[in-house]
Amino acid sequence: MPLLEIRNLTVEFQTASGRFRAVDSMDFEVGTGDMLAIVGESGSGKSVAMLALMGLLPWTATVTADRMAFAGRDLLTISKRERRDIVGKEIAMIFQEPMTSLNPCFTIGFQIQESLRVHLGLDRKERRARALELLREVGIPEPERRLSAFPHQLSGGMSQRAMIAMALACRPKLLIADEPSTALDVTIQAQILDLLVALQRDTGMALVLITHDMGVVAETAERVVVQYAGQQVERQSVYGLFEDPHHPYTAALLAALPERATGRHLPSIPGVVPGQGDRPACCLFNPRCRFATDLCRTVVPPRAGGEFGEALCHYPLDHGRPTGHPDPDGSLAAAPEETNA
């Protein structure tokens, strides 16, 4: 039995102009000790899906799923009290921006020790000892002094480490890291990612890494889910994804990586990600896809079946060539645009 199982997860928000589907039919599993990356552009539904799992979405959101279970417990039917017992203890999340996620009114020590008091019932002396142990574990120097520091007194890297310490306080079985290195400089980014990988290896917890950086995916994850405009368009092992991407969007993302670019120009994907009012019919990627045909514009692509069942596409790629395409060379549409590198 997987530690986390999500089937057909959909999240819709009520807006002034109607309902907007931010996550559309997401499916994946995470086993104990797994490292899964969810990758996609900003607005592709990565964070919203995990906030739905945590129960942290506003009242305007409607969450539906065929199944959303953690360690065999149905997260769709449990009470709010039961969810509070799980969230923060067995499932923890590192939020995207530590400078806004940490409470500016309380010290770092208080915020780390709060979950120890609520979930583990430790007394004051035990909480302090555990908080110091956590700060040392995440590499914060002078932990005794940092316990009494407020968030504004820490650097971005230190704040992120404090957030990681808070998330790890109760030794969760599943850790969700929402772009943990986005606001940090390159050196600190590498340190934070190395820290997460080391902690995951040492504790045996499962790790879900949300990112838009394909380089981070290549270095840290074992399996990857690719999101586009709220839809899960591909799911593969990391090696398989980089070696042979099956969805045209994934292939275009990888082709745009500077280290893969050839020639004088950097490839780019023409067009823009669809928003609430301009979502195309059937395949959401069809206006930007070089392999799109009338079938892509009139029939919803299949979600499963055959060798390339993990790709949401009528013509999944096999080493760069569309399978079953009426034109094997894929010349029915323009090639991806190029921009100056």
C-alpha atoms as a PDB file:
ATOM      1  CA  MET A   1       0.000   0.000   0.000  1.00  0.00           C
ATOM      2  CA  PRO A   2       1.454   3.400  -0.965  1.00  0.00           C
ATOM      3  CA  LEU A   3       2.000   6.005   1.730  1.00  0.00           C
ATOM      4  CA  LEU A   4       0.122   8.645  -0.293  1.00  0.00           C
ATOM      5  CA  GLU A   5      -2.412   7.832  -2.999  1.00  0.00           C
ATOM      6  CA  ILE A   6      -4.141  10.480  -5.105  1.00  0.00           C
ATOM      7  CA  ARG A   7      -6.625   9.605  -7.847  1.00  0.00           C
ATOM      8  CA  ASN A   8      -8.388  12.110 -10.120  1.00  0.00           C
ATOM      9  CA  LEU A   9      -7.774  15.117  -7.863  1.00  0.00           C
ATOM     10  CA  THR A  10      -9.576  18.245  -9.070  1.00  0.00           C
ATOM     11  CA  VAL A  11      -9.554  21.706  -7.461  1.00  0.00           C
ATOM     12  CA  GLU A  12     -11.884  24.491  -8.588  1.00  0.00           C
ATOM     13  CA  PHE A  13     -12.111  28.061  -7.311  1.00  0.00           C
ATOM     14  CA  GLN A  14     -15.193  30.249  -7.335  1.00  0.00           C
ATOM     15  CA  THR A  15     -14.332  33.618  -8.888  1.00  0.00           C
ATOM     16  CA  ALA A  16     -16.329  36.698  -9.841  1.00  0.00           C
ATOM     17  CA  SER A  17     -16.416  35.511 -13.474  1.00  0.00           C
ATOM     18  CA  GLY A  18     -17.295  31.881 -12.700  1.00  0.00           C
ATOM     19  CA  ARG A  19     -15.494  28.712 -11.679  1.00  0.00           C
ATOM     20  CA  PHE A  20     -11.838  28.191 -12.505  1.00  0.00           C
ATOM     21  CA  ARG A  21     -10.261  24.725 -12.530  1.00  0.00           C
ATOM     22  CA  ALA A  22      -6.754  25.090 -11.091  1.00  0.00           C
ATOM     23  CA  VAL A  23      -6.033  21.342 -10.865  1.00  0.00           C
ATOM     24  CA  ASP A  24      -7.584  18.952 -13.359  1.00  0.00           C
ATOM     25  CA  SER A  25      -7.541  15.179 -12.717  1.00  0.00           C
ATOM     26  CA  MET A  26      -4.186  14.662 -11.029  1.00  0.00           C
ATOM     27  CA  ASP A  27      -2.982  11.106 -10.284  1.00  0.00           C
ATOM     28  CA  PHE A  28       0.099   9.856  -8.477  1.00  0.00           C
ATOM     29  CA  GLU A  29       1.377   7.690  -5.629  1.00  0.00           C
ATOM     30  CA  VAL A  30       4.199   8.175  -3.162  1.00  0.00           C
ATOM     31  CA  GLY A  31       5.695   5.251  -1.279  1.00  0.00           C
ATOM     32  CA  THR A  32       7.675   5.286   1.952  1.00  0.00           C
ATOM     33  CA  GLY A  33      11.128   6.691   1.233  1.00  0.00           C
ATOM     34  CA  ASP A  34      10.197   7.858  -2.290  1.00  0.00           C
ATOM     35  CA  MET A  35      11.402  11.120  -3.836  1.00  0.00           C
ATOM     36  CA  LEU A  36       8.834  12.561  -6.261  1.00  0.00           C
ATOM     37  CA  ALA A  37       9.145  15.866  -8.112  1.00  0.00           C
ATOM     38  CA  ILE A  38       6.160  17.842  -9.420  1.00  0.00           C
ATOM     39  CA  VAL A  39       7.377  20.188 -12.116  1.00  0.00           C
ATOM     40  CA  GLY A  40       5.689  22.858 -14.216  1.00  0.00           C
ATOM     41  CA  GLU A  41       5.442  26.568 -14.918  1.00  0.00           C
ATOM     42  CA  SER A  42       4.024  29.040 -12.416  1.00  0.00           C
ATOM     43  CA  GLY A  43       0.242  28.637 -12.273  1.00  0.00           C
ATOM     44  CA  SER A  44       0.249  24.993 -13.375  1.00  0.00           C
ATOM     45  CA  GLY A  45      -1.423  23.804 -10.160  1.00  0.00           C
ATOM     46  CA  LYS A  46       1.579  22.279  -8.387  1.00  0.00           C
ATOM     47  CA  SER A  47       1.223  24.117  -5.080  1.00  0.00           C
ATOM     48  CA  VAL A  48      -2.589  24.137  -5.143  1.00  0.00           C
ATOM     49  CA  ALA A  49      -2.684  20.336  -5.371  1.00  0.00           C
ATOM     50  CA  MET A  50      -0.467  19.972  -2.295  1.00  0.00           C
ATOM     51  CA  LEU A  51      -2.359  22.645  -0.356  1.00  0.00           C
ATOM     52  CA  ALA A  52      -5.525  20.658  -1.089  1.00  0.00           C
ATOM     53  CA  LEU A  53      -3.823  17.607   0.423  1.00  0.00           C
ATOM     54  CA  MET A  54      -2.897  19.639   3.505  1.00  0.00           C
ATOM     55  CA  GLY A  55      -6.417  21.105   3.813  1.00  0.00           C
ATOM     56  CA  LEU A  56      -5.087  24.668   3.588  1.00  0.00           C
ATOM     57  CA  LEU A  57      -7.140  26.055   0.696  1.00  0.00           C
ATOM     58  CA  PRO A  58      -9.652  28.902   1.251  1.00  0.00           C
ATOM     59  CA  TRP A  59     -13.408  28.404   1.360  1.00  0.00           C
ATOM     60  CA  THR A  60     -13.705  29.423  -2.300  1.00  0.00           C
ATOM     61  CA  ALA A  61     -12.001  26.151  -3.311  1.00  0.00           C
ATOM     62  CA  THR A  62     -13.854  22.926  -4.063  1.00  0.00           C
ATOM     63  CA  VAL A  63     -11.736  19.769  -3.796  1.00  0.00           C
ATOM     64  CA  THR A  64     -12.905  16.492  -5.335  1.00  0.00           C
ATOM     65  CA  ALA A  65     -11.097  13.192  -5.930  1.00  0.00           C
ATOM     66  CA  ASP A  66     -11.835   9.540  -6.516  1.00  0.00           C
ATOM     67  CA  ARG A  67      -9.327   8.841  -3.763  1.00  0.00           C
ATOM     68  CA  MET A  68      -6.999  10.914  -1.586  1.00  0.00           C
ATOM     69  CA  ALA A  69      -5.517   8.708   1.114  1.00  0.00           C
ATOM     70  CA  PHE A  70      -2.526   8.891   3.433  1.00  0.00           C
ATOM     71  CA  ALA A  71      -1.292   5.709   5.144  1.00  0.00           C
ATOM     72  CA  GLY A  72      -4.652   4.100   4.355  1.00  0.00           C
ATOM     73  CA  ARG A  73      -6.733   6.948   5.838  1.00  0.00           C
ATOM     74  CA  ASP A  74      -9.197   8.706   3.548  1.00  0.00           C
ATOM     75  CA  LEU A  75      -8.392  12.431   3.708  1.00  0.00           C
ATOM     76  CA  LEU A  76     -11.690  13.276   2.006  1.00  0.00           C
ATOM     77  CA  THR A  77     -13.875  11.860   4.761  1.00  0.00           C
ATOM     78  CA  ILE A  78     -11.893  12.347   7.987  1.00  0.00           C
ATOM     79  CA  SER A  79     -12.976  15.109  10.381  1.00  0.00           C
ATOM     80  CA  LYS A  80     -11.134  18.409  10.748  1.00  0.00           C
ATOM     81  CA  ARG A  81      -9.833  17.266  14.121  1.00  0.00           C
ATOM     82  CA  GLU A  82      -8.432  14.060  12.641  1.00  0.00           C
ATOM     83  CA  ARG A  83      -6.783  16.046   9.827  1.00  0.00           C
ATOM     84  CA  ARG A  84      -5.161  18.395  12.371  1.00  0.00           C
ATOM     85  CA  ASP A  85      -3.681  15.349  14.092  1.00  0.00           C
ATOM     86  CA  ILE A  86      -2.048  14.292  10.814  1.00  0.00           C
ATOM     87  CA  VAL A  87      -1.002  17.631   9.300  1.00  0.00           C
ATOM     88  CA  GLY A  88       2.123  18.973  10.975  1.00  0.00           C
ATOM     89  CA  LYS A  89       2.947  15.609  12.517  1.00  0.00           C
ATOM     90  CA  GLU A  90       2.842  12.901   9.848  1.00  0.00           C
ATOM     91  CA  ILE A  91       2.601  15.247   6.834  1.00  0.00           C
ATOM     92  CA  ALA A  92       4.640  18.448   6.887  1.00  0.00           C
ATOM     93  CA  MET A  93       5.178  21.180   4.326  1.00  0.00           C
ATOM     94  CA  ILE A  94       7.962  23.658   3.655  1.00  0.00           C
ATOM     95  CA  PHE A  95       6.243  26.690   2.161  1.00  0.00           C
ATOM     96  CA  GLN A  96       7.495  28.679  -0.787  1.00  0.00           C
ATOM     97  CA  GLU A  97       8.695  31.890   0.860  1.00  0.00           C
ATOM     98  CA  PRO A  98      10.020  31.611   4.427  1.00  0.00           C
ATOM     99  CA  MET A  99      10.086  35.379   4.942  1.00  0.00           C
ATOM    100  CA  THR A 100       6.296  35.503   4.604  1.00  0.00           C
ATOM    101  CA  SER A 101       5.505  32.038   5.985  1.00  0.00           C
ATOM    102  CA  LEU A 102       7.211  32.549   9.345  1.00  0.00           C
ATOM    103  CA  ASN A 103       5.217  34.563  11.888  1.00  0.00           C
ATOM    104  CA  PRO A 104       7.090  37.871  12.472  1.00  0.00           C
ATOM    105  CA  CYS A 105       5.610  38.231  15.973  1.00  0.00           C
ATOM    106  CA  PHE A 106       7.180  35.089  17.465  1.00  0.00           C
ATOM    107  CA  THR A 107      10.738  33.857  17.848  1.00  0.00           C
ATOM    108  CA  ILE A 108      12.115  30.987  15.808  1.00  0.00           C
ATOM    109  CA  GLY A 109      12.315  28.875  18.951  1.00  0.00           C
ATOM    110  CA  PHE A 110       8.651  29.431  19.811  1.00  0.00           C
ATOM    111  CA  GLN A 111       7.516  28.515  16.295  1.00  0.00           C
ATOM    112  CA  ILE A 112       9.563  25.295  16.221  1.00  0.00           C
ATOM    113  CA  GLN A 113       8.476  24.273  19.714  1.00  0.00           C
ATOM    114  CA  GLU A 114       4.764  24.901  19.079  1.00  0.00           C
ATOM    115  CA  SER A 115       4.296  21.733  17.023  1.00  0.00           C
ATOM    116  CA  LEU A 116       6.287  19.751  19.605  1.00  0.00           C
ATOM    117  CA  ARG A 117       3.857  20.904  22.277  1.00  0.00           C
ATOM    118  CA  VAL A 118       0.693  20.344  20.236  1.00  0.00           C
ATOM    119  CA  HIS A 119       1.552  17.030  18.570  1.00  0.00           C
ATOM    120  CA  LEU A 120       4.022  15.346  20.933  1.00  0.00           C
ATOM    121  CA  GLY A 121       3.099  16.887  24.302  1.00  0.00           C
ATOM    122  CA  LEU A 122       6.714  17.553  25.288  1.00  0.00           C
ATOM    123  CA  ASP A 123       7.423  19.710  28.344  1.00  0.00           C
ATOM    124  CA  ARG A 124       9.369  22.977  28.102  1.00  0.00           C
ATOM    125  CA  LYS A 125      12.792  21.456  28.750  1.00  0.00           C
ATOM    126  CA  GLU A 126      12.249  18.665  26.227  1.00  0.00           C
ATOM    127  CA  ARG A 127      10.932  21.099  23.621  1.00  0.00           C
ATOM    128  CA  ARG A 128      13.978  23.333  23.947  1.00  0.00           C
ATOM    129  CA  ALA A 129      16.373  20.405  23.692  1.00  0.00           C
ATOM    130  CA  ARG A 130      14.583  19.089  20.600  1.00  0.00           C
ATOM    131  CA  ALA A 131      14.533  22.562  18.988  1.00  0.00           C
ATOM    132  CA  LEU A 132      18.292  22.929  19.500  1.00  0.00           C
ATOM    133  CA  GLU A 133      18.823  19.469  18.023  1.00  0.00           C
ATOM    134  CA  LEU A 134      16.758  20.432  14.952  1.00  0.00           C
ATOM    135  CA  LEU A 135      18.634  23.693  14.390  1.00  0.00           C
ATOM    136  CA  ARG A 136      21.933  21.816  14.524  1.00  0.00           C
ATOM    137  CA  GLU A 137      20.520  19.175  12.171  1.00  0.00           C
ATOM    138  CA  VAL A 138      19.674  21.764   9.498  1.00  0.00           C
ATOM    139  CA  GLY A 139      23.057  23.471   9.824  1.00  0.00           C
ATOM    140  CA  ILE A 140      22.205  26.685  11.669  1.00  0.00           C
ATOM    141  CA  PRO A 141      25.242  27.988  13.622  1.00  0.00           C
ATOM    142  CA  GLU A 142      24.902  29.147  17.228  1.00  0.00           C
ATOM    143  CA  PRO A 143      21.503  27.468  17.691  1.00  0.00           C
ATOM    144  CA  GLU A 144      21.141  28.689  21.299  1.00  0.00           C
ATOM    145  CA  ARG A 145      21.208  32.292  20.070  1.00  0.00           C
ATOM    146  CA  ARG A 146      18.973  31.616  17.058  1.00  0.00           C
ATOM    147  CA  LEU A 147      16.200  30.203  19.243  1.00  0.00           C
ATOM    148  CA  SER A 148      15.487  33.699  20.575  1.00  0.00           C
ATOM    149  CA  ALA A 149      15.829  35.411  17.164  1.00  0.00           C
ATOM    150  CA  PHE A 150      12.843  36.778  15.249  1.00  0.00           C
ATOM    151  CA  PRO A 151      12.396  35.962  11.533  1.00  0.00           C
ATOM    152  CA  HIS A 152      13.526  39.432  10.384  1.00  0.00           C
ATOM    153  CA  GLN A 153      16.847  38.863  12.142  1.00  0.00           C
ATOM    154  CA  LEU A 154      17.692  35.880   9.918  1.00  0.00           C
ATOM    155  CA  SER A 155      18.951  35.789   6.349  1.00  0.00           C
ATOM    156  CA  GLY A 156      16.928  34.107   3.592  1.00  0.00           C
ATOM    157  CA  GLY A 157      19.002  30.921   3.841  1.00  0.00           C
ATOM    158  CA  MET A 158      18.722  30.825   7.630  1.00  0.00           C
ATOM    159  CA  SER A 159      14.954  31.404   7.432  1.00  0.00           C
ATOM    160  CA  GLN A 160      14.601  28.525   4.989  1.00  0.00           C
ATOM    161  CA  ARG A 161      16.610  26.263   7.293  1.00  0.00           C
ATOM    162  CA  ALA A 162      14.376  27.301  10.210  1.00  0.00           C
ATOM    163  CA  MET A 163      11.319  26.378   8.108  1.00  0.00           C
ATOM    164  CA  ILE A 164      12.852  22.970   7.403  1.00  0.00           C
ATOM    165  CA  ALA A 165      13.507  22.497  11.125  1.00  0.00           C
ATOM    166  CA  MET A 166       9.850  23.298  11.866  1.00  0.00           C
ATOM    167  CA  ALA A 167       8.661  20.821   9.223  1.00  0.00           C
ATOM    168  CA  LEU A 168      10.935  18.063  10.567  1.00  0.00           C
ATOM    169  CA  ALA A 169      10.114  18.660  14.247  1.00  0.00           C
ATOM    170  CA  CYS A 170       7.752  15.684  14.601  1.00  0.00           C
ATOM    171  CA  ARG A 171       9.644  13.387  12.216  1.00  0.00           C
ATOM    172  CA  PRO A 172       6.960  13.331   9.489  1.00  0.00           C
ATOM    173  CA  LYS A 173       6.457  10.365   7.214  1.00  0.00           C
ATOM    174  CA  LEU A 174       5.882  12.697   4.243  1.00  0.00           C
ATOM    175  CA  LEU A 175       7.563  16.059   3.615  1.00  0.00           C
ATOM    176  CA  ILE A 176       6.316  18.423   0.901  1.00  0.00           C
ATOM    177  CA  ALA A 177       8.886  21.027  -0.176  1.00  0.00           C
ATOM    178  CA  ASP A 178       7.289  23.829  -2.208  1.00  0.00           C
ATOM    179  CA  GLU A 179      10.087  25.397  -4.273  1.00  0.00           C
ATOM    180  CA  PRO A 180      12.389  25.469  -1.232  1.00  0.00           C
ATOM    181  CA  SER A 181      15.223  27.232  -3.042  1.00  0.00           C
ATOM    182  CA  THR A 182      13.395  29.767  -5.217  1.00  0.00           C
ATOM    183  CA  ALA A 183      14.232  32.988  -3.353  1.00  0.00           C
ATOM    184  CA  LEU A 184      17.830  32.030  -2.530  1.00  0.00           C
ATOM    185  CA  ASP A 185      21.115  32.625  -4.306  1.00  0.00           C
ATOM    186  CA  VAL A 186      22.712  29.772  -6.209  1.00  0.00           C
ATOM    187  CA  THR A 187      25.138  28.718  -3.465  1.00  0.00           C
ATOM    188  CA  ILE A 188      22.437  28.609  -0.789  1.00  0.00           C
ATOM    189  CA  GLN A 189      20.082  26.796  -3.187  1.00  0.00           C
ATOM    190  CA  ALA A 190      22.572  23.959  -3.540  1.00  0.00           C
ATOM    191  CA  GLN A 191      23.056  23.772   0.224  1.00  0.00           C
ATOM    192  CA  ILE A 192      19.287  23.591   0.896  1.00  0.00           C
ATOM    193  CA  LEU A 193      18.730  20.888  -1.731  1.00  0.00           C
ATOM    194  CA  ASP A 194      21.680  18.848  -0.450  1.00  0.00           C
ATOM    195  CA  LEU A 195      20.268  19.199   3.067  1.00  0.00           C
ATOM    196  CA  LEU A 196      16.811  17.953   2.025  1.00  0.00           C
ATOM    197  CA  VAL A 197      18.237  14.976   0.171  1.00  0.00           C
ATOM    198  CA  ALA A 198      20.472  14.071   3.118  1.00  0.00           C
ATOM    199  CA  LEU A 199      17.599  14.376   5.614  1.00  0.00           C
ATOM    200  CA  GLN A 200      15.348  12.255   3.411  1.00  0.00           C
ATOM    201  CA  ARG A 201      18.020   9.585   3.134  1.00  0.00           C
ATOM    202  CA  ASP A 202      18.811   9.605   6.864  1.00  0.00           C
ATOM    203  CA  THR A 203      15.212   9.590   8.145  1.00  0.00           C
ATOM    204  CA  GLY A 204      13.569   7.457   5.442  1.00  0.00           C
ATOM    205  CA  MET A 205      10.684   9.894   4.979  1.00  0.00           C
ATOM    206  CA  ALA A 206       8.982  10.375   1.621  1.00  0.00           C
ATOM    207  CA  LEU A 207       9.733  13.683  -0.126  1.00  0.00           C
ATOM    208  CA  VAL A 208       7.548  15.528  -2.652  1.00  0.00           C
ATOM    209  CA  LEU A 209       9.508  18.353  -4.268  1.00  0.00           C
ATOM    210  CA  ILE A 210       7.563  21.093  -6.076  1.00  0.00           C
ATOM    211  CA  THR A 211       9.711  23.001  -8.534  1.00  0.00           C
ATOM    212  CA  HIS A 212       9.912  24.612 -11.958  1.00  0.00           C
ATOM    213  CA  ASP A 213      13.640  23.905 -12.265  1.00  0.00           C
ATOM    214  CA  MET A 214      14.411  20.849 -14.375  1.00  0.00           C
ATOM    215  CA  GLY A 215      17.999  20.895 -13.136  1.00  0.00           C
ATOM    216  CA  VAL A 216      16.772  20.425  -9.567  1.00  0.00           C
ATOM    217  CA  VAL A 217      14.601  17.522 -10.743  1.00  0.00           C
ATOM    218  CA  ALA A 218      17.558  15.819 -12.409  1.00  0.00           C
ATOM    219  CA  GLU A 219      19.732  16.138  -9.299  1.00  0.00           C
ATOM    220  CA  THR A 220      17.277  15.150  -6.568  1.00  0.00           C
ATOM    221  CA  ALA A 221      14.195  13.164  -7.615  1.00  0.00           C
ATOM    222  CA  GLU A 222      13.534   9.562  -8.592  1.00  0.00           C
ATOM    223  CA  ARG A 223      10.168  10.056 -10.299  1.00  0.00           C
ATOM    224  CA  VAL A 224       8.568  13.149 -11.792  1.00  0.00           C
ATOM    225  CA  VAL A 225       5.091  14.465 -12.586  1.00  0.00           C
ATOM    226  CA  VAL A 226       4.812  17.210 -15.230  1.00  0.00           C
ATOM    227  CA  GLN A 227       1.967  19.733 -14.934  1.00  0.00           C
ATOM    228  CA  TYR A 228       0.646  22.069 -17.634  1.00  0.00           C
ATOM    229  CA  ALA A 229      -2.252  24.520 -17.105  1.00  0.00           C
ATOM    230  CA  GLY A 230      -3.547  22.434 -14.204  1.00  0.00           C
ATOM    231  CA  GLN A 231      -3.335  19.093 -16.018  1.00  0.00           C
ATOM    232  CA  GLN A 232      -0.908  16.270 -15.394  1.00  0.00           C
ATOM    233  CA  VAL A 233       0.556  15.704 -18.850  1.00  0.00           C
ATOM    234  CA  GLU A 234       3.285  13.179 -18.066  1.00  0.00           C
ATOM    235  CA  ARG A 235       4.558  10.909 -15.301  1.00  0.00           C
ATOM    236  CA  GLN A 236       7.844   9.027 -15.584  1.00  0.00           C
ATOM    237  CA  SER A 237      11.040   8.076 -13.838  1.00  0.00           C
ATOM    238  CA  VAL A 238      13.532  10.930 -13.906  1.00  0.00           C
ATOM    239  CA  TYR A 239      15.941   8.958 -16.073  1.00  0.00           C
ATOM    240  CA  GLY A 240      13.177   8.043 -18.523  1.00  0.00           C
ATOM    241  CA  LEU A 241      11.910  11.623 -18.688  1.00  0.00           C
ATOM    242  CA  PHE A 242      15.279  13.105 -19.604  1.00  0.00           C
ATOM    243  CA  GLU A 243      16.194  10.239 -21.902  1.00  0.00           C
ATOM    244  CA  ASP A 244      12.877   9.929 -23.766  1.00  0.00           C
ATOM    245  CA  PRO A 245      10.085  12.431 -22.892  1.00  0.00           C
ATOM    246  CA  HIS A 246       6.713  11.303 -24.257  1.00  0.00           C
ATOM    247  CA  HIS A 247       4.622  14.496 -24.116  1.00  0.00           C
ATOM    248  CA  PRO A 248       5.470  17.311 -26.587  1.00  0.00           C
ATOM    249  CA  TYR A 249       5.339  19.866 -23.764  1.00  0.00           C
ATOM    250  CA  THR A 250       7.914  17.957 -21.718  1.00  0.00           C
ATOM    251  CA  ALA A 251      10.131  17.585 -24.775  1.00  0.00           C
ATOM    252  CA  ALA A 252       9.872  21.327 -25.473  1.00  0.00           C
ATOM    253  CA  LEU A 253      10.751  22.166 -21.847  1.00  0.00           C
ATOM    254  CA  LEU A 254      13.848  19.986 -21.981  1.00  0.00           C
ATOM    255  CA  ALA A 255      14.859  21.353 -25.390  1.00  0.00           C
ATOM    256  CA  ALA A 256      14.839  24.877 -23.904  1.00  0.00           C
ATOM    257  CA  LEU A 257      17.439  24.008 -21.255  1.00  0.00           C
ATOM    258  CA  PRO A 258      20.635  25.979 -22.042  1.00  0.00           C
ATOM    259  CA  GLU A 259      22.813  22.888 -21.651  1.00  0.00           C
ATOM    260  CA  ARG A 260      20.752  21.075 -24.305  1.00  0.00           C
ATOM    261  CA  ALA A 261      20.450  23.942 -26.766  1.00  0.00           C
ATOM    262  CA  THR A 262      22.412  23.779 -30.004  1.00  0.00           C
ATOM    263  CA  GLY A 263      23.264  26.590 -32.359  1.00  0.00           C
ATOM    264  CA  ARG A 264      23.202  30.333 -31.680  1.00  0.00           C
ATOM    265  CA  HIS A 265      19.629  30.577 -30.372  1.00  0.00           C
ATOM    266  CA  LEU A 266      17.801  29.141 -27.371  1.00  0.00           C
ATOM    267  CA  PRO A 267      14.569  27.288 -28.330  1.00  0.00           C
ATOM    268  CA  SER A 268      11.312  28.481 -26.763  1.00  0.00           C
ATOM    269  CA  ILE A 269       7.690  27.349 -26.828  1.00  0.00           C
ATOM    270  CA  PRO A 270       5.488  29.677 -28.917  1.00  0.00           C
ATOM    271  CA  GLY A 271       2.345  31.170 -27.379  1.00  0.00           C
ATOM    272  CA  VAL A 272       1.344  31.404 -23.720  1.00  0.00           C
ATOM    273  CA  VAL A 273      -0.147  29.134 -21.055  1.00  0.00           C
ATOM    274  CA  PRO A 274      -3.971  29.393 -21.238  1.00  0.00           C
ATOM    275  CA  GLY A 275      -5.750  31.220 -18.442  1.00  0.00           C
ATOM    276  CA  GLN A 276      -9.288  31.110 -17.120  1.00  0.00           C
ATOM    277  CA  GLY A 277     -10.972  32.669 -20.148  1.00  0.00           C
ATOM    278  CA  ASP A 278      -8.931  31.303 -23.056  1.00  0.00           C
ATOM    279  CA  ARG A 279      -8.640  27.591 -22.395  1.00  0.00           C
ATOM    280  CA  PRO A 280      -8.664  25.693 -25.713  1.00  0.00           C
ATOM    281  CA  ALA A 281     -10.951  22.738 -26.310  1.00  0.00           C
ATOM    282  CA  CYS A 282      -9.737  19.184 -25.737  1.00  0.00           C
ATOM    283  CA  CYS A 283      -5.912  19.182 -25.544  1.00  0.00           C
ATOM    284  CA  LEU A 284      -4.842  22.310 -23.643  1.00  0.00           C
ATOM    285  CA  PHE A 285      -1.427  22.301 -25.297  1.00  0.00           C
ATOM    286  CA  ASN A 286      -2.678  22.020 -28.890  1.00  0.00           C
ATOM    287  CA  PRO A 287      -2.325  25.751 -29.849  1.00  0.00           C
ATOM    288  CA  ARG A 288       1.380  25.591 -28.961  1.00  0.00           C
ATOM    289  CA  CYS A 289       2.173  22.073 -30.155  1.00  0.00           C
ATOM    290  CA  ARG A 290       4.078  21.471 -33.392  1.00  0.00           C
ATOM    291  CA  PHE A 291       2.434  18.036 -33.760  1.00  0.00           C
ATOM    292  CA  ALA A 292      -1.209  19.128 -33.210  1.00  0.00           C
ATOM    293  CA  THR A 293      -3.874  17.950 -35.675  1.00  0.00           C
ATOM    294  CA  ASP A 294      -7.667  18.293 -35.867  1.00  0.00           C
ATOM    295  CA  LEU A 295      -7.888  15.254 -33.601  1.00  0.00           C
ATOM    296  CA  CYS A 296      -6.110  17.204 -30.835  1.00  0.00           C
ATOM    297  CA  ARG A 297      -8.615  20.066 -31.206  1.00  0.00           C
ATOM    298  CA  THR A 298     -11.755  17.924 -31.261  1.00  0.00           C
ATOM    299  CA  VAL A 299     -11.103  14.875 -29.035  1.00  0.00           C
ATOM    300  CA  VAL A 300      -9.858  14.856 -25.448  1.00  0.00           C
ATOM    301  CA  PRO A 301      -6.525  12.982 -25.378  1.00  0.00           C
ATOM    302  CA  PRO A 302      -6.474   9.622 -23.589  1.00  0.00           C
ATOM    303  CA  ARG A 303      -5.073   9.318 -20.087  1.00  0.00           C
ATOM    304  CA  ALA A 304      -3.890   5.737 -20.257  1.00  0.00           C
ATOM    305  CA  GLY A 305      -3.194   2.862 -22.537  1.00  0.00           C
ATOM    306  CA  GLY A 306      -0.279   1.347 -24.337  1.00  0.00           C
ATOM    307  CA  GLU A 307       3.429   1.896 -23.942  1.00  0.00           C
ATOM    308  CA  PHE A 308       3.058   5.659 -23.511  1.00  0.00           C
ATOM    309  CA  GLY A 309       0.082   5.639 -21.143  1.00  0.00           C
ATOM    310  CA  GLU A 310       1.696   8.119 -18.743  1.00  0.00           C
ATOM    311  CA  ALA A 311       1.554  10.909 -21.339  1.00  0.00           C
ATOM    312  CA  LEU A 312      -1.704  12.812 -21.910  1.00  0.00           C
ATOM    313  CA  CYS A 313      -1.393  12.949 -25.690  1.00  0.00           C
ATOM    314  CA  HIS A 314      -2.877  11.526 -28.887  1.00  0.00           C
ATOM    315  CA  TYR A 315       0.612  11.290 -30.394  1.00  0.00           C
ATOM    316  CA  PRO A 316       3.061  10.498 -27.570  1.00  0.00           C
ATOM    317  CA  LEU A 317       6.675  10.859 -28.597  1.00  0.00           C
ATOM    318  CA  ASP A 318       9.082   7.981 -28.982  1.00  0.00           C
ATOM    319  CA  HIS A 319      12.613   9.420 -28.975  1.00  0.00           C
ATOM    320  CA  GLY A 320      11.339  12.665 -30.465  1.00  0.00           C
ATOM    321  CA  ARG A 321       8.998  11.197 -33.108  1.00  0.00           C
ATOM    322  CA  PRO A 322       5.197  11.273 -32.658  1.00  0.00           C
ATOM    323  CA  THR A 323       3.678   7.778 -32.655  1.00  0.00           C
ATOM    324  CA  GLY A 324       0.643   7.281 -34.873  1.00  0.00           C
ATOM    325  CA  HIS A 325       0.907  10.800 -36.332  1.00  0.00           C
ATOM    326  CA  PRO A 326      -0.497  11.191 -39.881  1.00  0.00           C
ATOM    327  CA  ASP A 327       2.757  12.910 -40.852  1.00  0.00           C
ATOM    328  CA  PRO A 328       5.696  10.975 -39.312  1.00  0.00           C
ATOM    329  CA  ASP A 329       7.964  14.022 -39.577  1.00  0.00           C
ATOM    330  CA  GLY A 330       5.535  16.195 -37.610  1.00  0.00           C
ATOM    331  CA  SER A 331       5.773  18.982 -40.194  1.00  0.00           C
ATOM    332  CA  LEU A 332       2.066  19.844 -40.082  1.00  0.00           C
ATOM    333  CA  ALA A 333       2.792  22.659 -37.648  1.00  0.00           C
ATOM    334  CA  ALA A 334       5.587  25.164 -37.251  1.00  0.00           C
ATOM    335  CA  ALA A 335       8.704  24.190 -35.314  1.00  0.00           C
ATOM    336  CA  PRO A 336       9.324  25.776 -31.898  1.00  0.00           C
ATOM    337  CA  GLU A 337      10.388  29.394 -31.986  1.00  0.00           C
ATOM    338  CA  GLU A 338      13.890  30.418 -31.067  1.00  0.00           C
ATOM    339  CA  THR A 339      15.040  33.369 -29.010  1.00  0.00           C
ATOM    340  CA  ASN A 340      18.438  34.916 -28.590  1.00  0.00           C
ATOM    341  CA  ALA A 341      20.383  33.043 -25.933  1.00  0.00           C
END
